Amino acid sequence: MSDGGPLVDGELSPAWWGRHLAETRWVLEAARLSVDPLFLRPGAALPRGDGRAVLVLPGFLAGDQTVAALAAWLIRIGYSARTCRFVVNIDCSDRTLDRLERRVEAVHDRTGRRVAVIGHSRGGHFARALAARRPELVSHAISLGSDLKSLLEISISTQASIAAAAIALRATGRTRRRECLTIDCPCAFTADYRRPFPTAAVRLTSVYSKGDGVVRWRQQIVPEAECVEVSGSHIGLVFNRKAYRAIAAALARPELPTPAPCARNVSMTSITSSG
């Protein structure tokens, strides 16, 4: 099995074309899930949910429709699942994280409980950053196929798509910084993504596949997370029955103590309030 790009002197090589043709198997993974009793009639084999609100985030260039099956299944096993109202996940990362923060804050205020956040690919970046920014609002953060080390250790063709999206965002005035959608963007999102994860307050789970053809799987394994390997494609992780089992197990882990609200850094607040 390929490891998401060759190692050169112990480091990942900079050029990796990915395995995009193999990603078409997501169709088979979705078909297999659609007839699986785990999806259709989840019973005693899975831990039941406690009614907690769960926000499900799609990946890059994807919308709520791509995680609709996962959200519906979470409702069936006992959670109050919600999508994030994305038509397409392509906006400025800083704007997007602010929007998600407001959504989670509203759900928390309405339910009186911390929220679990599940993100696929780019959505996992937001799950990690949001949990690091507001651990008093987030109980569990689960990433599906997300680079949790450096954001953009992805295939060359995917990097090209992100570069094109960045140009379009700048042209339409949707960016807060010229470096938007790069690892060097000095925005609050990047700072929160890189912030030490609050492991004493939030449970972080990374579900990954060595068959991932978009994101290097080694970048999905971090010491602060419980890392769970499944087999399958990157796109198919939102339909992967083994990933669903891992999600149910992760959400069933007891909530950690709620920390006191963190005072936001003044410079970050000024960044997020601009534009």
Protein backbone atom coordinates (compact mmCIF):
# COMPACT_ATOMS: atom_id res chain seq x y z
CA MET A 1 0.00 0.00 0.00
CA SER A 2 1.32 3.44 -0.93
CA ASP A 3 1.90 5.75 2.00
CA GLY A 4 0.72 9.00 0.45
CA GLY A 5 3.98 9.92 -1.25
CA PRO A 6 7.51 8.58 -0.94
CA LEU A 7 9.80 9.41 1.96
CA VAL A 8 13.07 11.20 1.15
CA ASP A 9 15.61 11.30 3.99
CA GLY A 10 12.78 10.57 6.40
CA GLU A 11 10.61 13.41 5.06
CA LEU A 12 7.67 13.37 2.69
CA SER A 13 8.63 14.32 -0.85
CA PRO A 14 7.09 17.62 -2.03
CA ALA A 15 5.51 16.17 -5.16
CA TRP A 16 2.65 13.70 -4.91
CA TRP A 17 0.07 13.28 -7.65
CA GLY A 18 -2.33 11.30 -5.49
CA ARG A 19 -4.53 8.47 -6.72
CA HIS A 20 -7.59 10.21 -8.06
CA LEU A 21 -8.74 7.40 -10.33
CA ALA A 22 -8.93 5.11 -7.30
CA GLU A 23 -11.13 7.70 -5.61
CA THR A 24 -14.01 6.71 -7.91
CA ARG A 25 -14.60 3.71 -5.64
CA TRP A 26 -16.51 6.04 -3.35
CA VAL A 27 -19.54 5.06 -5.44
CA LEU A 28 -19.11 1.43 -4.40
CA GLU A 29 -18.57 2.44 -0.79
CA ALA A 30 -21.80 4.45 -0.81
CA ALA A 31 -23.67 1.54 -2.41
CA ARG A 32 -22.30 -0.89 0.19
CA LEU A 33 -23.37 1.43 3.02
CA SER A 34 -26.88 1.83 1.62
CA VAL A 35 -27.65 -1.87 2.16
CA ASP A 36 -25.74 -2.34 5.39
CA PRO A 37 -27.84 -3.04 8.51
CA LEU A 38 -25.49 -0.71 10.42
CA PHE A 39 -26.88 2.14 8.30
CA LEU A 40 -30.47 1.00 7.80
CA ARG A 41 -31.30 -0.45 11.22
CA PRO A 42 -28.57 0.43 13.71
CA GLY A 43 -29.29 -1.50 16.86
CA ALA A 44 -27.52 -2.89 19.87
CA ALA A 45 -24.29 -3.40 17.94
CA LEU A 46 -23.61 0.36 18.15
CA PRO A 47 -23.52 2.61 21.22
CA ARG A 48 -26.63 4.78 21.33
CA GLY A 49 -26.34 8.55 21.29
CA ASP A 50 -27.16 10.75 24.26
CA GLY A 51 -29.07 13.38 22.28
CA ARG A 52 -26.03 15.64 21.96
CA ALA A 53 -25.99 18.13 19.08
CA VAL A 54 -23.53 17.14 16.34
CA LEU A 55 -22.47 19.53 13.57
CA VAL A 56 -21.29 17.81 10.37
CA LEU A 57 -18.96 19.71 8.02
CA PRO A 58 -18.28 18.85 4.35
CA GLY A 59 -14.93 18.88 2.57
CA PHE A 60 -13.40 21.29 0.05
CA LEU A 61 -15.72 22.15 -2.86
CA ALA A 62 -18.47 20.05 -1.24
CA GLY A 63 -21.77 21.02 0.35
CA ASP A 64 -24.22 19.72 2.91
CA GLN A 65 -25.55 17.14 0.46
CA THR A 66 -22.30 15.16 0.72
CA VAL A 67 -22.72 14.64 4.47
CA ALA A 68 -26.51 14.29 4.48
CA ALA A 69 -26.37 10.49 4.77
CA LEU A 70 -24.00 10.73 7.74
CA ALA A 71 -26.20 13.34 9.45
CA ALA A 72 -29.33 11.22 8.92
CA TRP A 73 -27.59 8.16 10.35
CA LEU A 74 -26.43 10.11 13.41
CA ILE A 75 -30.05 11.06 14.08
CA ARG A 76 -31.06 7.40 13.84
CA ILE A 77 -28.52 6.38 16.48
CA GLY A 78 -29.64 9.04 18.93
CA TYR A 79 -27.90 12.33 18.19
CA SER A 80 -29.29 15.71 17.17
CA ALA A 81 -27.29 16.07 13.98
CA ARG A 82 -27.10 19.27 11.98
CA THR A 83 -25.35 20.32 8.80
CA CYS A 84 -23.57 23.65 8.55
CA ARG A 85 -25.73 25.15 5.74
CA PHE A 86 -22.93 25.08 3.17
CA VAL A 87 -23.76 25.09 -0.52
CA VAL A 88 -20.07 24.66 -1.26
CA ASN A 89 -17.09 24.72 1.13
CA ILE A 90 -14.83 27.15 -0.69
CA ASP A 91 -14.95 30.47 1.18
CA CYS A 92 -12.13 32.22 3.05
CA SER A 93 -11.10 29.95 5.93
CA ASP A 94 -11.20 32.78 8.45
CA ARG A 95 -14.72 33.85 7.44
CA THR A 96 -15.86 30.24 7.49
CA LEU A 97 -14.51 29.54 10.98
CA ASP A 98 -16.21 32.68 12.33
CA ARG A 99 -19.47 31.52 10.77
CA LEU A 100 -19.13 28.06 12.30
CA GLU A 101 -18.26 29.55 15.68
CA ARG A 102 -21.49 31.55 15.64
CA ARG A 103 -23.48 28.46 14.65
CA VAL A 104 -21.99 26.30 17.40
CA GLU A 105 -22.46 29.09 19.93
CA ALA A 106 -26.14 29.36 18.99
CA VAL A 107 -26.67 25.60 19.25
CA HIS A 108 -24.87 25.54 22.60
CA ASP A 109 -26.99 28.39 23.95
CA ARG A 110 -30.18 26.69 22.74
CA THR A 111 -29.40 23.21 24.07
CA GLY A 112 -27.30 24.07 27.11
CA ARG A 113 -24.75 21.43 26.12
CA ARG A 114 -21.42 21.35 24.34
CA VAL A 115 -21.51 20.33 20.67
CA ALA A 116 -19.66 17.58 18.84
CA VAL A 117 -18.15 18.55 15.48
CA ILE A 118 -17.37 16.11 12.65
CA GLY A 119 -15.48 17.33 9.59
CA HIS A 120 -14.56 15.61 6.34
CA SER A 121 -11.25 16.66 4.75
CA ARG A 122 -11.22 20.49 4.91
CA GLY A 123 -14.12 20.25 7.31
CA GLY A 124 -11.79 18.47 9.72
CA HIS A 125 -9.48 21.50 9.69
CA PHE A 126 -12.38 23.60 10.93
CA ALA A 127 -13.34 21.00 13.54
CA ARG A 128 -9.81 21.09 14.95
CA ALA A 129 -9.51 24.89 14.85
CA LEU A 130 -12.95 25.47 16.35
CA ALA A 131 -12.31 23.04 19.21
CA ALA A 132 -8.97 24.75 19.91
CA ARG A 133 -10.58 28.20 19.83
CA ARG A 134 -13.71 27.41 21.87
CA PRO A 135 -13.21 24.22 23.92
CA GLU A 136 -15.98 25.32 26.25
CA LEU A 137 -18.41 24.89 23.34
CA VAL A 138 -17.04 21.69 21.75
CA SER A 139 -17.00 18.28 23.43
CA HIS A 140 -15.75 16.04 20.60
CA ALA A 141 -13.91 16.86 17.37
CA ILE A 142 -13.73 14.14 14.71
CA SER A 143 -11.85 14.46 11.43
CA LEU A 144 -12.34 12.20 8.42
CA GLY A 145 -9.34 12.22 6.09
CA SER A 146 -7.98 15.59 7.29
CA ASP A 147 -4.38 16.78 7.36
CA LEU A 148 -4.04 17.67 11.05
CA LYS A 149 -0.36 18.60 10.86
CA SER A 150 0.15 21.20 8.14
CA LEU A 151 -3.15 21.80 6.27
CA LEU A 152 -2.04 21.23 2.67
CA GLU A 153 -0.10 17.96 2.37
CA ILE A 154 -2.33 16.94 -0.50
CA SER A 155 -2.07 15.86 -4.12
CA ILE A 156 -0.69 18.29 -6.70
CA SER A 157 -4.01 18.45 -8.57
CA THR A 158 -5.86 19.29 -5.35
CA GLN A 159 -3.30 21.99 -4.58
CA ALA A 160 -3.99 23.45 -8.04
CA SER A 161 -7.73 23.51 -7.31
CA ILE A 162 -7.12 25.36 -4.05
CA ALA A 163 -4.83 27.87 -5.78
CA ALA A 164 -7.55 28.53 -8.36
CA ALA A 165 -10.12 28.98 -5.60
CA ALA A 166 -7.82 31.48 -3.84
CA ILE A 167 -7.52 33.54 -7.04
CA ALA A 168 -11.31 33.57 -7.42
CA LEU A 169 -11.82 34.62 -3.80
CA ARG A 170 -9.35 37.48 -4.16
CA ALA A 171 -11.02 38.61 -7.37
CA THR A 172 -14.43 38.72 -5.66
CA GLY A 173 -13.17 40.40 -2.50
CA ARG A 174 -13.97 37.42 -0.27
CA THR A 175 -10.53 37.17 1.33
CA ARG A 176 -9.29 38.91 4.46
CA ARG A 177 -5.64 38.35 3.55
CA ARG A 178 -3.82 37.88 0.25
CA GLU A 179 -2.39 34.66 1.66
CA CYS A 180 -5.88 33.17 2.09
CA LEU A 181 -6.02 29.38 1.48
CA THR A 182 -2.27 29.00 2.03
CA ILE A 183 -0.31 27.67 5.00
CA ASP A 184 1.21 31.14 5.48
CA CYS A 185 -2.03 33.06 5.98
CA PRO A 186 -1.67 35.16 9.18
CA CYS A 187 -5.35 34.89 10.07
CA ALA A 188 -7.09 33.70 13.22
CA PHE A 189 -8.10 30.42 11.57
CA THR A 190 -4.48 29.47 10.89
CA ALA A 191 -3.49 30.43 14.43
CA ASP A 192 -6.30 28.35 15.93
CA TYR A 193 -5.50 25.38 13.68
CA ARG A 194 -1.87 25.48 14.83
CA ARG A 195 -2.72 26.13 18.48
CA PRO A 196 -1.87 23.26 20.88
CA PHE A 197 -5.00 21.14 21.04
CA PRO A 198 -6.90 21.22 24.38
CA THR A 199 -6.73 17.48 25.03
CA ALA A 200 -7.83 17.92 28.65
CA ALA A 201 -11.15 19.37 27.49
CA VAL A 202 -11.98 18.02 24.02
CA ARG A 203 -11.74 14.50 22.62
CA LEU A 204 -10.06 14.55 19.20
CA THR A 205 -10.42 11.58 16.83
CA SER A 206 -8.77 11.21 13.41
CA VAL A 207 -10.25 8.60 11.06
CA TYR A 208 -7.88 7.89 8.18
CA SER A 209 -7.23 5.44 5.36
CA LYS A 210 -3.89 4.42 3.89
CA GLY A 211 -5.76 4.21 0.59
CA ASP A 212 -6.49 7.96 0.70
CA GLY A 213 -5.82 9.31 -2.79
CA VAL A 214 -6.14 13.03 -1.94
CA VAL A 215 -4.55 13.70 1.47
CA ARG A 216 -1.32 12.06 2.65
CA TRP A 217 -2.40 9.62 5.33
CA ARG A 218 0.71 10.15 7.48
CA GLN A 219 -0.43 13.76 8.02
CA GLN A 220 -3.64 12.50 9.57
CA ILE A 221 -1.89 10.75 12.47
CA VAL A 222 -1.19 13.09 15.38
CA PRO A 223 -0.35 12.31 19.01
CA GLU A 224 -3.13 14.46 20.43
CA ALA A 225 -5.82 12.41 18.65
CA GLU A 226 -7.15 8.90 18.87
CA CYS A 227 -6.26 7.76 15.35
CA VAL A 228 -8.44 5.07 13.78
CA GLU A 229 -7.46 3.38 10.52
CA VAL A 230 -10.11 2.19 8.09
CA SER A 231 -9.84 0.95 4.51
CA GLY A 232 -11.28 2.94 1.63
CA SER A 233 -11.02 6.12 -0.39
CA HIS A 234 -10.77 9.74 0.73
CA ILE A 235 -14.08 10.85 -0.77
CA GLY A 236 -15.76 7.68 0.45
CA LEU A 237 -15.01 8.34 4.12
CA VAL A 238 -18.40 10.04 4.44
CA PHE A 239 -20.00 6.77 3.26
CA ASN A 240 -17.54 4.32 4.83
CA ARG A 241 -19.30 1.83 7.13
CA LYS A 242 -16.08 1.26 9.09
CA ALA A 243 -15.72 5.02 9.53
CA TYR A 244 -19.31 5.12 10.80
CA ARG A 245 -18.43 2.56 13.46
CA ALA A 246 -15.42 4.65 14.46
CA ILE A 247 -17.58 7.78 14.67
CA ALA A 248 -20.16 6.06 16.88
CA ALA A 249 -17.39 4.83 19.20
CA ALA A 250 -15.74 8.27 19.33
CA LEU A 251 -18.99 10.08 20.16
CA ALA A 252 -19.75 7.57 22.90
CA ARG A 253 -16.53 8.42 24.76
CA PRO A 254 -17.35 10.36 27.94
CA GLU A 255 -17.24 14.13 27.72
CA LEU A 256 -14.22 15.71 29.37
CA PRO A 257 -14.52 18.54 31.92
CA THR A 258 -15.69 21.82 30.46
CA PRO A 259 -12.98 24.50 30.65
CA ALA A 260 -13.57 28.13 31.49
CA PRO A 261 -14.19 30.33 28.42
CA CYS A 262 -10.94 31.53 26.87
CA ALA A 263 -10.32 35.22 26.34
CA ARG A 264 -9.75 35.80 22.65
CA ASN A 265 -6.47 37.34 21.61
CA VAL A 266 -7.01 41.03 20.79
CA SER A 267 -5.16 40.80 17.47
CA MET A 268 -7.28 37.80 16.45
CA THR A 269 -10.48 39.63 17.34
CA SER A 270 -9.45 42.59 15.21
CA ILE A 271 -8.69 40.26 12.30
CA THR A 272 -12.01 38.40 12.49
CA SER A 273 -14.02 41.60 12.88
CA SER A 274 -12.52 43.13 9.75
CA GLY A 275 -13.66 42.52 6.21
